[in-house]
Amino acid sequence: LQEQQGKLNAIKHDIGLLSTQIHSLNHMYADEISKQEESKKPLEEKYGKINIDLKDGSYEEIKEEK
């Protein structure tokens, strides 16, 4: 029973670590999204509203409906 309880405690500990990592990664992801949005602003000011293909760098204008 002691060995099994030790394993259970180790598993709970690992779950806690994973939960902390997930929380941290979610914050890192949100930060990168914010940085990407900030990077888009100067491009939109220079080129207007565009869609950029991140694979090859090509872009096309977004046509606004009137």
C-alpha atoms as a PDB file:
ATOM      1  CA  LEU A   1       0.000   0.000   0.000  1.00  0.00           C
ATOM      2  CA  GLN A   2       2.828   2.410   0.788  1.00  0.00           C
ATOM      3  CA  GLU A   3       4.416   1.818  -2.602  1.00  0.00           C
ATOM      4  CA  GLN A   4       1.094   2.376  -4.367  1.00  0.00           C
ATOM      5  CA  GLN A   5       0.468   5.550  -2.358  1.00  0.00           C
ATOM      6  CA  GLY A   6       3.935   6.763  -3.274  1.00  0.00           C
ATOM      7  CA  LYS A   7       3.160   6.224  -6.958  1.00  0.00           C
ATOM      8  CA  LEU A   8      -0.156   8.055  -6.595  1.00  0.00           C
ATOM      9  CA  ASN A   9       1.582  10.977  -4.906  1.00  0.00           C
ATOM     10  CA  ALA A  10       4.206  11.100  -7.660  1.00  0.00           C
ATOM     11  CA  ILE A  11       1.476  11.110 -10.309  1.00  0.00           C
ATOM     12  CA  LYS A  12      -0.387  13.926  -8.537  1.00  0.00           C
ATOM     13  CA  HIS A  13       2.865  15.874  -8.344  1.00  0.00           C
ATOM     14  CA  ASP A  14       3.469  15.396 -12.082  1.00  0.00           C
ATOM     15  CA  ILE A  15      -0.107  16.462 -12.864  1.00  0.00           C
ATOM     16  CA  GLY A  16       0.500  19.634 -10.860  1.00  0.00           C
ATOM     17  CA  LEU A  17       3.688  20.345 -12.804  1.00  0.00           C
ATOM     18  CA  LEU A  18       1.901  19.804 -16.109  1.00  0.00           C
ATOM     19  CA  SER A  19      -0.909  22.095 -15.031  1.00  0.00           C
ATOM     20  CA  THR A  20       1.625  24.804 -14.217  1.00  0.00           C
ATOM     21  CA  GLN A  21       3.344  24.299 -17.577  1.00  0.00           C
ATOM     22  CA  ILE A  22       0.018  24.529 -19.414  1.00  0.00           C
ATOM     23  CA  HIS A  23      -0.790  27.771 -17.605  1.00  0.00           C
ATOM     24  CA  SER A  24       2.616  29.203 -18.474  1.00  0.00           C
ATOM     25  CA  LEU A  25       2.367  28.115 -22.116  1.00  0.00           C
ATOM     26  CA  ASN A  26      -1.089  29.685 -22.421  1.00  0.00           C
ATOM     27  CA  HIS A  27       0.366  33.006 -21.261  1.00  0.00           C
ATOM     28  CA  MET A  28       3.307  32.680 -23.647  1.00  0.00           C
ATOM     29  CA  TYR A  29       0.908  31.939 -26.515  1.00  0.00           C
ATOM     30  CA  ALA A  30      -1.232  34.979 -25.687  1.00  0.00           C
ATOM     31  CA  ASP A  31       1.900  37.161 -25.570  1.00  0.00           C
ATOM     32  CA  GLU A  32       2.985  35.958 -29.019  1.00  0.00           C
ATOM     33  CA  ILE A  33      -0.495  36.653 -30.419  1.00  0.00           C
ATOM     34  CA  SER A  34      -0.264  40.208 -29.032  1.00  0.00           C
ATOM     35  CA  LYS A  35       3.204  40.682 -30.532  1.00  0.00           C
ATOM     36  CA  GLN A  36       1.973  39.420 -33.892  1.00  0.00           C
ATOM     37  CA  GLU A  37      -0.964  41.826 -33.837  1.00  0.00           C
ATOM     38  CA  GLU A  38       1.422  44.707 -33.062  1.00  0.00           C
ATOM     39  CA  SER A  39       3.657  43.630 -35.962  1.00  0.00           C
ATOM     40  CA  LYS A  40       0.676  43.734 -38.321  1.00  0.00           C
ATOM     41  CA  LYS A  41      -0.185  47.382 -37.583  1.00  0.00           C
ATOM     42  CA  PRO A  42       2.711  49.021 -39.476  1.00  0.00           C
ATOM     43  CA  LEU A  43       2.116  46.692 -42.426  1.00  0.00           C
ATOM     44  CA  GLU A  44      -1.557  47.633 -42.526  1.00  0.00           C
ATOM     45  CA  GLU A  45      -0.667  51.336 -42.348  1.00  0.00           C
ATOM     46  CA  LYS A  46       1.774  50.940 -45.250  1.00  0.00           C
ATOM     47  CA  TYR A  47      -0.156  48.515 -47.490  1.00  0.00           C
ATOM     48  CA  GLY A  48      -3.753  48.781 -46.281  1.00  0.00           C
ATOM     49  CA  LYS A  49      -5.757  45.729 -45.344  1.00  0.00           C
ATOM     50  CA  ILE A  50      -4.058  42.667 -46.802  1.00  0.00           C
ATOM     51  CA  ASN A  51      -3.858  38.916 -46.393  1.00  0.00           C
ATOM     52  CA  ILE A  52      -0.266  37.693 -46.179  1.00  0.00           C
ATOM     53  CA  ASP A  53       0.756  34.166 -47.143  1.00  0.00           C
ATOM     54  CA  LEU A  54       3.272  33.332 -44.415  1.00  0.00           C
ATOM     55  CA  LYS A  55       4.787  30.529 -46.510  1.00  0.00           C
ATOM     56  CA  ASP A  56       6.066  32.709 -49.339  1.00  0.00           C
ATOM     57  CA  GLY A  57       5.463  36.306 -48.216  1.00  0.00           C
ATOM     58  CA  SER A  58       3.040  37.096 -50.998  1.00  0.00           C
ATOM     59  CA  TYR A  59      -0.012  39.166 -50.214  1.00  0.00           C
ATOM     60  CA  GLU A  60      -3.325  40.235 -51.645  1.00  0.00           C
ATOM     61  CA  GLU A  61      -5.567  43.157 -50.816  1.00  0.00           C
ATOM     62  CA  ILE A  62      -8.718  42.578 -48.837  1.00  0.00           C
ATOM     63  CA  LYS A  63     -11.558  44.055 -50.840  1.00  0.00           C
ATOM     64  CA  GLU A  64     -14.002  45.896 -48.630  1.00  0.00           C
ATOM     65  CA  GLU A  65     -17.686  45.530 -49.377  1.00  0.00           C
ATOM     66  CA  LYS A  66     -19.496  48.808 -49.968  1.00  0.00           C
END
